[in-house]
Amino acid sequence: MKREILFRGKRLDSGEWVEGYLRLQLVDGDLTQAKQSANIFHSWMDEIGKVFSETDSVDPDTVGQFTGLTDSHDVKIFEGDIVVDADAPNIILTIVWNKGSYRLIRADNTGYPISWGDDLMVIGNVNNNPELIGGAS
């Protein structure tokens, strides 16, 4: 099965979320600085087959990679999403990349690897809904 490599980030100009391919670059080419700029490239086709493409500047702190999984409503699950498990809807989990895999992390920092059999539902993300995981609002 082929896995789609896809990223999501929040546009700097409008705050709108965009999905596509990621390009990171150092600001001013300075390797001693941790600052980066991020762009998401995406394309689409109109109803007559004409292809359009666009590159949007996004906040690097909002960039998350697609896990390859969708939730119970067929919504793509990205790193940074906040989910609940149908078997335990009162337990809120965050999707993170840790120890070489995507993991479901509870508020107490315990977690387990995400898997294809998990019946999850996306309820938000860490950037738009920090209050869901006990962060600042």
C-alpha atoms as a PDB file:
ATOM      1  CA  MET A   1       0.000   0.000   0.000  1.00  0.00           C
ATOM      2  CA  LYS A   2       1.356   3.402  -0.978  1.00  0.00           C
ATOM      3  CA  ARG A   3       1.397   6.013   1.803  1.00  0.00           C
ATOM      4  CA  GLU A   4       0.562   9.597   0.910  1.00  0.00           C
ATOM      5  CA  ILE A   5       3.220  12.032   2.169  1.00  0.00           C
ATOM      6  CA  LEU A   6       1.261  15.145   2.992  1.00  0.00           C
ATOM      7  CA  PHE A   7       1.613  18.072   5.386  1.00  0.00           C
ATOM      8  CA  ARG A   8      -0.742  20.649   6.853  1.00  0.00           C
ATOM      9  CA  GLY A   9       0.047  24.148   8.096  1.00  0.00           C
ATOM     10  CA  LYS A  10      -1.700  27.384   9.058  1.00  0.00           C
ATOM     11  CA  ARG A  11      -1.258  30.204   6.518  1.00  0.00           C
ATOM     12  CA  LEU A  12       0.526  33.299   7.806  1.00  0.00           C
ATOM     13  CA  ASP A  13      -1.687  35.723   5.878  1.00  0.00           C
ATOM     14  CA  SER A  14      -5.148  34.361   6.702  1.00  0.00           C
ATOM     15  CA  GLY A  15      -4.792  31.718   9.419  1.00  0.00           C
ATOM     16  CA  GLU A  16      -6.476  29.234   7.076  1.00  0.00           C
ATOM     17  CA  TRP A  17      -5.263  25.607   7.106  1.00  0.00           C
ATOM     18  CA  VAL A  18      -3.737  24.267   3.872  1.00  0.00           C
ATOM     19  CA  GLU A  19      -2.562  20.775   2.925  1.00  0.00           C
ATOM     20  CA  GLY A  20       0.151  19.843   0.475  1.00  0.00           C
ATOM     21  CA  TYR A  21       3.876  19.286   0.173  1.00  0.00           C
ATOM     22  CA  LEU A  22       6.256  20.952   2.611  1.00  0.00           C
ATOM     23  CA  ARG A  23       9.318  23.089   1.935  1.00  0.00           C
ATOM     24  CA  LEU A  24      11.333  24.347   4.909  1.00  0.00           C
ATOM     25  CA  GLN A  25      14.221  26.759   4.584  1.00  0.00           C
ATOM     26  CA  LEU A  26      16.462  28.576   6.994  1.00  0.00           C
ATOM     27  CA  VAL A  27      15.785  32.276   7.375  1.00  0.00           C
ATOM     28  CA  ASP A  28      18.688  34.204   5.792  1.00  0.00           C
ATOM     29  CA  GLY A  29      20.531  30.882   5.281  1.00  0.00           C
ATOM     30  CA  ASP A  30      22.010  31.151   8.785  1.00  0.00           C
ATOM     31  CA  LEU A  31      22.749  27.667  10.136  1.00  0.00           C
ATOM     32  CA  THR A  32      23.381  29.058  13.630  1.00  0.00           C
ATOM     33  CA  GLN A  33      19.758  30.200  13.962  1.00  0.00           C
ATOM     34  CA  ALA A  34      16.865  27.851  14.629  1.00  0.00           C
ATOM     35  CA  LYS A  35      14.448  30.075  12.713  1.00  0.00           C
ATOM     36  CA  GLN A  36      12.895  28.575   9.618  1.00  0.00           C
ATOM     37  CA  SER A  37      10.278  29.581   7.127  1.00  0.00           C
ATOM     38  CA  ALA A  38       7.787  27.034   5.860  1.00  0.00           C
ATOM     39  CA  ASN A  39       5.780  26.825   2.668  1.00  0.00           C
ATOM     40  CA  ILE A  40       3.070  24.384   1.638  1.00  0.00           C
ATOM     41  CA  PHE A  41       2.744  23.694  -2.089  1.00  0.00           C
ATOM     42  CA  HIS A  42      -0.573  22.356  -3.345  1.00  0.00           C
ATOM     43  CA  SER A  43      -2.310  21.970  -6.673  1.00  0.00           C
ATOM     44  CA  TRP A  44      -5.822  21.248  -7.857  1.00  0.00           C
ATOM     45  CA  MET A  45      -7.736  20.713 -11.084  1.00  0.00           C
ATOM     46  CA  ASP A  46     -10.872  22.572 -12.131  1.00  0.00           C
ATOM     47  CA  GLU A  47     -13.899  20.953 -13.745  1.00  0.00           C
ATOM     48  CA  ILE A  48     -12.452  21.251 -17.278  1.00  0.00           C
ATOM     49  CA  GLY A  49      -9.069  19.774 -16.360  1.00  0.00           C
ATOM     50  CA  LYS A  50      -6.963  22.925 -15.996  1.00  0.00           C
ATOM     51  CA  VAL A  51      -4.355  22.504 -13.247  1.00  0.00           C
ATOM     52  CA  PHE A  52      -3.633  25.294 -10.775  1.00  0.00           C
ATOM     53  CA  SER A  53      -0.911  25.401  -8.146  1.00  0.00           C
ATOM     54  CA  GLU A  54      -0.130  27.632  -5.218  1.00  0.00           C
ATOM     55  CA  THR A  55       2.512  28.001  -2.556  1.00  0.00           C
ATOM     56  CA  ASP A  56       1.451  29.406   0.796  1.00  0.00           C
ATOM     57  CA  SER A  57       3.706  30.637   3.589  1.00  0.00           C
ATOM     58  CA  VAL A  58       2.700  28.868   6.798  1.00  0.00           C
ATOM     59  CA  ASP A  59       3.669  29.148  10.456  1.00  0.00           C
ATOM     60  CA  PRO A  60       6.387  26.482  10.966  1.00  0.00           C
ATOM     61  CA  ASP A  61       5.061  25.816  14.479  1.00  0.00           C
ATOM     62  CA  THR A  62       1.733  24.640  13.019  1.00  0.00           C
ATOM     63  CA  VAL A  63       3.122  22.170  10.479  1.00  0.00           C
ATOM     64  CA  GLY A  64       2.121  18.557  10.995  1.00  0.00           C
ATOM     65  CA  GLN A  65       2.497  15.476   8.817  1.00  0.00           C
ATOM     66  CA  PHE A  66      -0.399  13.265   7.715  1.00  0.00           C
ATOM     67  CA  THR A  67      -0.303   9.975   9.649  1.00  0.00           C
ATOM     68  CA  GLY A  68      -1.740   7.963   6.770  1.00  0.00           C
ATOM     69  CA  LEU A  69      -4.888   7.321   8.832  1.00  0.00           C
ATOM     70  CA  THR A  70      -8.389   8.765   8.778  1.00  0.00           C
ATOM     71  CA  ASP A  71     -10.857   8.940  11.630  1.00  0.00           C
ATOM     72  CA  SER A  72     -14.304   7.354  11.877  1.00  0.00           C
ATOM     73  CA  HIS A  73     -15.711  10.219   9.739  1.00  0.00           C
ATOM     74  CA  ASP A  74     -13.003   9.828   7.050  1.00  0.00           C
ATOM     75  CA  VAL A  75     -11.155  12.987   8.245  1.00  0.00           C
ATOM     76  CA  LYS A  76      -7.388  12.841   7.691  1.00  0.00           C
ATOM     77  CA  ILE A  77      -5.437  12.573  10.946  1.00  0.00           C
ATOM     78  CA  PHE A  78      -2.365  14.813  11.202  1.00  0.00           C
ATOM     79  CA  GLU A  79       0.390  15.182  13.770  1.00  0.00           C
ATOM     80  CA  GLY A  80      -0.911  17.706  16.308  1.00  0.00           C
ATOM     81  CA  ASP A  81      -4.540  16.618  16.034  1.00  0.00           C
ATOM     82  CA  ILE A  82      -6.571  16.053  19.187  1.00  0.00           C
ATOM     83  CA  VAL A  83      -8.706  12.913  19.092  1.00  0.00           C
ATOM     84  CA  VAL A  84     -10.951  10.731  21.207  1.00  0.00           C
ATOM     85  CA  ASP A  85     -11.181   6.956  20.988  1.00  0.00           C
ATOM     86  CA  ALA A  86     -14.701   5.552  20.491  1.00  0.00           C
ATOM     87  CA  ASP A  87     -13.951   2.957  23.194  1.00  0.00           C
ATOM     88  CA  ALA A  88     -12.982   5.671  25.720  1.00  0.00           C
ATOM     89  CA  PRO A  89     -14.606   8.970  24.608  1.00  0.00           C
ATOM     90  CA  ASN A  90     -13.750  10.757  27.867  1.00  0.00           C
ATOM     91  CA  ILE A  91     -10.018  10.311  27.296  1.00  0.00           C
ATOM     92  CA  ILE A  92      -8.553  13.040  25.099  1.00  0.00           C
ATOM     93  CA  LEU A  93      -5.443  12.115  23.130  1.00  0.00           C
ATOM     94  CA  THR A  94      -2.956  14.109  21.057  1.00  0.00           C
ATOM     95  CA  ILE A  95      -1.189  12.750  17.969  1.00  0.00           C
ATOM     96  CA  VAL A  96       2.608  13.177  18.227  1.00  0.00           C
ATOM     97  CA  TRP A  97       5.693  11.796  16.490  1.00  0.00           C
ATOM     98  CA  ASN A  98       7.740  10.065  19.176  1.00  0.00           C
ATOM     99  CA  LYS A  99      10.132   7.121  19.314  1.00  0.00           C
ATOM    100  CA  GLY A 100       9.967   6.556  15.557  1.00  0.00           C
ATOM    101  CA  SER A 101       6.183   6.366  15.212  1.00  0.00           C
ATOM    102  CA  TYR A 102       2.997   8.338  15.583  1.00  0.00           C
ATOM    103  CA  ARG A 103       1.678   7.967  19.115  1.00  0.00           C
ATOM    104  CA  LEU A 104      -1.497   8.755  21.015  1.00  0.00           C
ATOM    105  CA  ILE A 105      -0.524  10.745  24.101  1.00  0.00           C
ATOM    106  CA  ARG A 106      -2.766  11.420  27.105  1.00  0.00           C
ATOM    107  CA  ALA A 107      -2.652  14.635  29.166  1.00  0.00           C
ATOM    108  CA  ASP A 108      -0.469  12.814  31.743  1.00  0.00           C
ATOM    109  CA  ASN A 109       2.123  12.144  28.961  1.00  0.00           C
ATOM    110  CA  THR A 110       1.466   8.387  28.878  1.00  0.00           C
ATOM    111  CA  GLY A 111       0.813   7.013  25.461  1.00  0.00           C
ATOM    112  CA  TYR A 112       0.853   4.204  22.982  1.00  0.00           C
ATOM    113  CA  PRO A 113       1.473   3.792  19.240  1.00  0.00           C
ATOM    114  CA  ILE A 114      -1.367   4.710  16.908  1.00  0.00           C
ATOM    115  CA  SER A 115      -2.598   1.816  14.783  1.00  0.00           C
ATOM    116  CA  TRP A 116      -4.912   1.089  11.863  1.00  0.00           C
ATOM    117  CA  GLY A 117      -7.508  -0.540  14.132  1.00  0.00           C
ATOM    118  CA  ASP A 118      -8.021   2.473  16.395  1.00  0.00           C
ATOM    119  CA  ASP A 119     -11.529   3.937  16.105  1.00  0.00           C
ATOM    120  CA  LEU A 120     -10.622   7.620  16.513  1.00  0.00           C
ATOM    121  CA  MET A 121     -12.475  10.888  15.971  1.00  0.00           C
ATOM    122  CA  VAL A 122     -10.669  14.202  15.419  1.00  0.00           C
ATOM    123  CA  ILE A 123     -12.085  16.875  17.750  1.00  0.00           C
ATOM    124  CA  GLY A 124      -9.511  19.629  17.163  1.00  0.00           C
ATOM    125  CA  ASN A 125      -5.791  20.340  17.018  1.00  0.00           C
ATOM    126  CA  VAL A 126      -3.176  21.721  19.389  1.00  0.00           C
ATOM    127  CA  ASN A 127      -2.962  25.062  17.567  1.00  0.00           C
ATOM    128  CA  ASN A 128      -6.655  25.928  17.441  1.00  0.00           C
ATOM    129  CA  ASN A 129      -7.864  24.100  20.566  1.00  0.00           C
ATOM    130  CA  PRO A 130      -5.175  24.004  23.295  1.00  0.00           C
ATOM    131  CA  GLU A 131      -7.906  24.146  25.948  1.00  0.00           C
ATOM    132  CA  LEU A 132      -8.941  20.598  24.979  1.00  0.00           C
ATOM    133  CA  ILE A 133      -5.652  19.257  26.342  1.00  0.00           C
ATOM    134  CA  GLY A 134      -5.321  21.629  29.274  1.00  0.00           C
ATOM    135  CA  GLY A 135      -3.254  24.283  27.459  1.00  0.00           C
ATOM    136  CA  ALA A 136      -3.775  28.018  27.471  1.00  0.00           C
ATOM    137  CA  SER A 137      -6.783  29.285  25.584  1.00  0.00           C
END
